[in-house]
Amino acid sequence: MTQFGSYELGVSSDLTPPQPSIVKAAPGEEDALAPLGTHQKVRELLDAKPGSVVADAGAGRGAFTRWLVETGYRAIALGIDRYQFSANAPFIQCNLDESLPLADESVSAIVAVELIEHLENPFRFIRDATRCLAPSGTLLISTPNVLSVSAKVSFIVRNYFVPFSDRDYYSNGHISPVQPDSIRRMAERCGLVVIATAYSAGKLPVPWLRHKVPLRASLFRNEWWADSVIVKLRKVGVAQAKVVRG
């Protein structure tokens, strides 16, 4: 057990305080690295009790971690770049394509906002997240919505989903498009069940208008229009020791 600040965390690697940040989010910019409305919806779906340990996987600059701390959660951030992280919380620098540096059943919830599209193996992440969750713990995943009108039109016209172009591959690291049914199938093999599915604000399927005219109304927060999908998963068992194929 490793102690940091005023509480202890069951983690399998050392915790060290974050270094001064190079990049800080400007006021009102907290959602800048995620589609509009994504953080708000994840906050609504997070049902862990304040005071419990919540891991923010792929914490980025720390916008969501900061909210966790302010709301009373015992937050721990996981990410690959400690120098862009600016929240006042423990930070573990790690490669999330490898095992999560958390002990078995050590956290009440794991939040992965716009993370799995950056991973080489989303299945491995979901399996390892299940290991780290306490019984009945929650995993919240958001990822680009590849079932939207924008994504489908892009695939028909340009042979790739929005946002999985060559430019996104090299500049944003978007390498793994994953749709909700795929998350559900992987989750079921890992001992998780889908509790809820929600959506961010929408965008028009017109390249030069997508980022200029956000579709904020609830009418557009669905599979057809949303820029991002959020899936809430609950731990109900353990991951299968062996996956049978064929």
Protein backbone atom coordinates (compact mmCIF):
# COMPACT_ATOMS: atom_id res chain seq x y z
CA MET A 1 0.00 0.00 0.00
CA THR A 2 1.35 3.39 -1.00
CA GLN A 3 0.43 6.56 0.90
CA PHE A 4 0.08 9.89 -0.84
CA GLY A 5 -1.15 13.02 0.91
CA SER A 6 -3.87 12.22 3.41
CA TYR A 7 -4.95 8.84 2.10
CA GLU A 8 -3.63 5.52 0.94
CA LEU A 9 -3.97 3.85 -2.45
CA GLY A 10 -3.44 0.21 -3.31
CA VAL A 11 -1.12 0.71 -6.28
CA SER A 12 1.73 -1.36 -7.59
CA SER A 13 4.10 1.46 -8.52
CA ASP A 14 5.43 4.56 -6.79
CA LEU A 15 3.37 7.72 -6.69
CA THR A 16 5.18 11.01 -7.08
CA PRO A 17 3.81 14.57 -7.04
CA PRO A 18 3.25 16.08 -10.50
CA GLN A 19 5.88 18.49 -11.80
CA PRO A 20 4.97 22.06 -12.80
CA SER A 21 2.77 21.99 -15.86
CA ILE A 22 3.85 23.36 -19.21
CA VAL A 23 0.28 23.50 -20.56
CA LYS A 24 -2.62 24.68 -18.41
CA ALA A 25 -6.27 24.72 -19.38
CA ALA A 26 -7.71 28.20 -19.61
CA PRO A 27 -10.90 28.98 -17.66
CA GLY A 28 -13.86 27.39 -19.44
CA GLU A 29 -11.57 25.19 -21.53
CA GLU A 30 -11.95 22.07 -19.39
CA ASP A 31 -13.74 20.16 -22.17
CA ALA A 32 -11.37 21.32 -24.91
CA LEU A 33 -9.67 17.95 -25.36
CA ALA A 34 -12.98 16.06 -25.43
CA PRO A 35 -16.09 16.67 -27.57
CA LEU A 36 -18.52 19.25 -26.25
CA GLY A 37 -20.63 17.89 -23.40
CA THR A 38 -18.59 14.71 -22.87
CA HIS A 39 -17.27 15.65 -19.42
CA GLN A 40 -20.72 16.75 -18.30
CA LYS A 41 -22.29 13.42 -19.27
CA VAL A 42 -19.49 11.38 -17.65
CA ARG A 43 -19.97 13.39 -14.43
CA GLU A 44 -23.68 12.58 -14.46
CA LEU A 45 -23.04 8.86 -14.96
CA LEU A 46 -20.35 8.52 -12.29
CA ASP A 47 -22.13 6.99 -9.29
CA ALA A 48 -19.19 6.24 -6.98
CA LYS A 49 -19.64 7.86 -3.58
CA PRO A 50 -17.53 10.96 -2.80
CA GLY A 51 -14.56 9.87 -0.75
CA SER A 52 -14.01 6.73 -2.80
CA VAL A 53 -10.95 6.19 -5.01
CA VAL A 54 -11.49 7.00 -8.70
CA ALA A 55 -8.80 6.59 -11.36
CA ASP A 56 -8.72 8.97 -14.32
CA ALA A 57 -7.05 6.92 -17.07
CA GLY A 58 -5.53 9.05 -19.81
CA ALA A 59 -5.86 12.16 -17.66
CA GLY A 60 -4.25 14.56 -20.15
CA ARG A 61 -4.03 18.04 -18.66
CA GLY A 62 -6.11 17.02 -15.68
CA ALA A 63 -9.46 18.67 -16.36
CA PHE A 64 -11.54 15.71 -15.22
CA THR A 65 -9.14 14.87 -12.37
CA ARG A 66 -9.55 18.43 -11.12
CA TRP A 67 -13.33 18.00 -11.01
CA LEU A 68 -12.97 14.70 -9.14
CA VAL A 69 -10.84 16.37 -6.47
CA GLU A 70 -13.20 19.34 -6.14
CA THR A 71 -16.17 16.98 -5.81
CA GLY A 72 -14.57 15.06 -2.95
CA TYR A 73 -13.28 11.94 -4.67
CA ARG A 74 -9.86 10.52 -3.87
CA ALA A 75 -8.60 10.89 -7.41
CA ILE A 76 -5.56 9.32 -8.98
CA ALA A 77 -4.47 10.20 -12.51
CA LEU A 78 -2.82 7.85 -15.00
CA GLY A 79 -1.13 9.16 -18.12
CA ILE A 80 1.88 9.15 -20.38
CA ASP A 81 2.94 12.80 -19.96
CA ARG A 82 3.25 14.15 -16.42
CA TYR A 83 4.47 17.56 -17.56
CA GLN A 84 1.16 18.60 -19.14
CA PHE A 85 -0.79 17.50 -16.07
CA SER A 86 -1.86 20.39 -13.82
CA ALA A 87 -4.41 19.03 -11.33
CA ASN A 88 -3.60 18.79 -7.61
CA ALA A 89 -3.75 14.99 -7.40
CA PRO A 90 -1.45 11.95 -7.44
CA PHE A 91 -0.19 11.15 -10.93
CA ILE A 92 1.32 7.89 -12.17
CA GLN A 93 3.21 8.13 -15.45
CA CYS A 94 2.55 4.91 -17.38
CA ASN A 95 1.82 3.37 -20.75
CA LEU A 96 -1.86 2.40 -20.72
CA ASP A 97 -1.27 -0.14 -23.50
CA GLU A 98 0.48 -2.11 -20.77
CA SER A 99 -0.92 -3.25 -17.41
CA LEU A 100 -2.53 -0.54 -15.28
CA PRO A 101 -0.26 0.28 -12.31
CA LEU A 102 -3.06 -0.37 -9.81
CA ALA A 103 -3.56 -3.25 -7.40
CA ASP A 104 -6.42 -5.73 -7.81
CA GLU A 105 -9.83 -4.40 -6.73
CA SER A 106 -8.27 -1.15 -5.51
CA VAL A 107 -10.56 1.51 -7.05
CA SER A 108 -14.30 2.15 -7.05
CA ALA A 109 -14.39 3.58 -10.56
CA ILE A 110 -12.18 4.14 -13.59
CA VAL A 111 -12.88 6.96 -16.02
CA ALA A 112 -11.40 6.77 -19.52
CA VAL A 113 -12.42 9.91 -21.41
CA GLU A 114 -11.38 9.77 -25.08
CA LEU A 115 -8.69 7.18 -24.36
CA ILE A 116 -9.31 3.81 -26.02
CA GLU A 117 -9.07 5.19 -29.56
CA HIS A 118 -5.42 5.96 -28.72
CA LEU A 119 -4.63 2.41 -27.58
CA GLU A 120 -3.21 -0.45 -29.61
CA ASN A 121 -5.32 -2.92 -27.64
CA PRO A 122 -8.59 -1.58 -26.17
CA PHE A 123 -9.57 -5.14 -25.18
CA ARG A 124 -6.51 -5.46 -22.95
CA PHE A 125 -7.30 -2.13 -21.29
CA ILE A 126 -10.88 -3.17 -20.51
CA ARG A 127 -9.71 -6.53 -19.15
CA ASP A 128 -7.09 -4.92 -16.91
CA ALA A 129 -9.49 -2.21 -15.77
CA THR A 130 -11.84 -4.97 -14.63
CA ARG A 131 -9.02 -6.44 -12.54
CA CYS A 132 -8.47 -3.09 -10.80
CA LEU A 133 -12.14 -2.40 -10.06
CA ALA A 134 -13.68 -3.33 -6.74
CA PRO A 135 -16.77 -5.59 -6.94
CA SER A 136 -19.67 -3.62 -8.49
CA GLY A 137 -17.18 -0.94 -9.54
CA THR A 138 -17.80 1.27 -12.57
CA LEU A 139 -15.84 1.76 -15.78
CA LEU A 140 -16.81 4.82 -17.85
CA ILE A 141 -15.50 4.95 -21.42
CA SER A 142 -15.96 7.71 -23.98
CA THR A 143 -14.71 7.44 -27.55
CA PRO A 144 -15.47 8.95 -30.98
CA ASN A 145 -18.89 7.91 -32.27
CA VAL A 146 -18.20 5.93 -35.46
CA LEU A 147 -21.93 5.26 -35.98
CA SER A 148 -22.90 8.90 -36.51
CA VAL A 149 -24.07 10.32 -39.83
CA SER A 150 -20.78 12.22 -40.05
CA ALA A 151 -18.73 9.08 -39.53
CA LYS A 152 -20.73 7.02 -42.03
CA VAL A 153 -20.70 9.71 -44.72
CA SER A 154 -16.96 10.11 -44.24
CA PHE A 155 -16.45 6.36 -44.56
CA ILE A 156 -18.50 6.18 -47.76
CA VAL A 157 -16.86 9.20 -49.38
CA ARG A 158 -13.30 9.07 -48.00
CA ASN A 159 -12.90 5.45 -46.79
CA TYR A 160 -12.26 6.41 -43.16
CA PHE A 161 -14.34 7.37 -40.15
CA VAL A 162 -14.31 10.81 -38.57
CA PRO A 163 -11.86 11.34 -36.84
CA PHE A 164 -9.59 8.54 -38.10
CA SER A 165 -7.87 10.11 -41.10
CA ASP A 166 -4.12 9.98 -41.73
CA ARG A 167 -3.93 13.41 -40.13
CA ASP A 168 -5.70 12.15 -36.98
CA TYR A 169 -3.48 9.07 -36.94
CA TYR A 170 -0.27 11.06 -36.90
CA SER A 171 -1.30 14.23 -35.04
CA ASN A 172 -3.87 12.93 -32.52
CA GLY A 173 -2.86 9.30 -32.21
CA HIS A 174 -6.33 8.03 -33.16
CA ILE A 175 -5.58 4.44 -34.13
CA SER A 176 -8.49 2.29 -32.88
CA PRO A 177 -12.07 3.09 -33.90
CA VAL A 178 -14.40 1.24 -31.51
CA GLN A 179 -18.19 1.20 -31.62
CA PRO A 180 -20.53 0.57 -28.65
CA ASP A 181 -21.38 -3.03 -29.56
CA SER A 182 -17.67 -3.87 -29.66
CA ILE A 183 -17.24 -2.34 -26.20
CA ARG A 184 -20.19 -4.42 -24.97
CA ARG A 185 -18.76 -7.67 -26.37
CA MET A 186 -15.32 -7.04 -24.91
CA ALA A 187 -16.85 -6.01 -21.59
CA GLU A 188 -18.97 -9.15 -21.30
CA ARG A 189 -15.87 -11.32 -21.75
CA CYS A 190 -14.17 -9.32 -19.01
CA GLY A 191 -16.91 -9.59 -16.39
CA LEU A 192 -18.63 -6.25 -17.06
CA VAL A 193 -22.15 -5.36 -18.16
CA VAL A 194 -23.42 -2.22 -19.89
CA ILE A 195 -25.49 -0.07 -17.53
CA ALA A 196 -26.04 2.98 -19.75
CA THR A 197 -25.07 4.55 -23.05
CA ALA A 198 -25.04 8.31 -23.53
CA TYR A 199 -23.82 10.85 -26.06
CA SER A 200 -22.03 14.18 -26.33
CA ALA A 201 -23.23 17.15 -28.37
CA GLY A 202 -23.55 16.57 -32.11
CA LYS A 203 -21.85 17.87 -35.23
CA LEU A 204 -22.97 18.41 -38.80
CA PRO A 205 -21.71 15.95 -41.47
CA VAL A 206 -20.11 18.83 -43.38
CA PRO A 207 -16.31 19.16 -42.94
CA TRP A 208 -16.10 22.98 -43.03
CA LEU A 209 -19.03 23.36 -40.60
CA ARG A 210 -18.34 20.53 -38.13
CA HIS A 211 -16.31 22.62 -35.70
CA LYS A 212 -18.18 25.89 -36.27
CA VAL A 213 -21.79 24.88 -35.65
CA PRO A 214 -22.08 22.45 -32.69
CA LEU A 215 -25.46 20.77 -32.26
CA ARG A 216 -26.04 21.33 -28.54
CA ALA A 217 -29.75 20.47 -28.27
CA SER A 218 -30.74 17.15 -26.68
CA LEU A 219 -32.35 16.25 -30.03
CA PHE A 220 -28.86 15.68 -31.44
CA ARG A 221 -27.33 13.82 -28.49
CA ASN A 222 -27.82 10.37 -29.95
CA GLU A 223 -26.15 7.73 -32.13
CA TRP A 224 -26.97 9.62 -35.34
CA TRP A 225 -25.42 12.99 -34.56
CA ALA A 226 -23.21 12.85 -31.47
CA ASP A 227 -19.49 13.37 -31.78
CA SER A 228 -18.71 10.99 -28.92
CA VAL A 229 -20.37 8.02 -27.24
CA ILE A 230 -20.13 7.32 -23.50
CA VAL A 231 -20.58 3.76 -22.18
CA LYS A 232 -21.08 3.00 -18.49
CA LEU A 233 -20.02 -0.50 -17.41
CA ARG A 234 -20.49 -2.31 -14.10
CA LYS A 235 -18.25 -5.08 -12.77
CA VAL A 236 -20.32 -8.19 -12.07
CA GLY A 237 -17.72 -10.95 -12.38
CA VAL A 238 -14.16 -11.74 -13.39
CA ALA A 239 -12.56 -11.86 -16.81
CA GLN A 240 -12.68 -15.19 -18.64
CA ALA A 241 -9.42 -17.06 -18.22
CA LYS A 242 -9.63 -18.29 -21.80
CA VAL A 243 -11.38 -16.88 -24.86
CA VAL A 244 -12.68 -19.53 -27.27
CA ARG A 245 -12.65 -18.46 -30.92
CA GLY A 246 -14.34 -20.00 -33.91
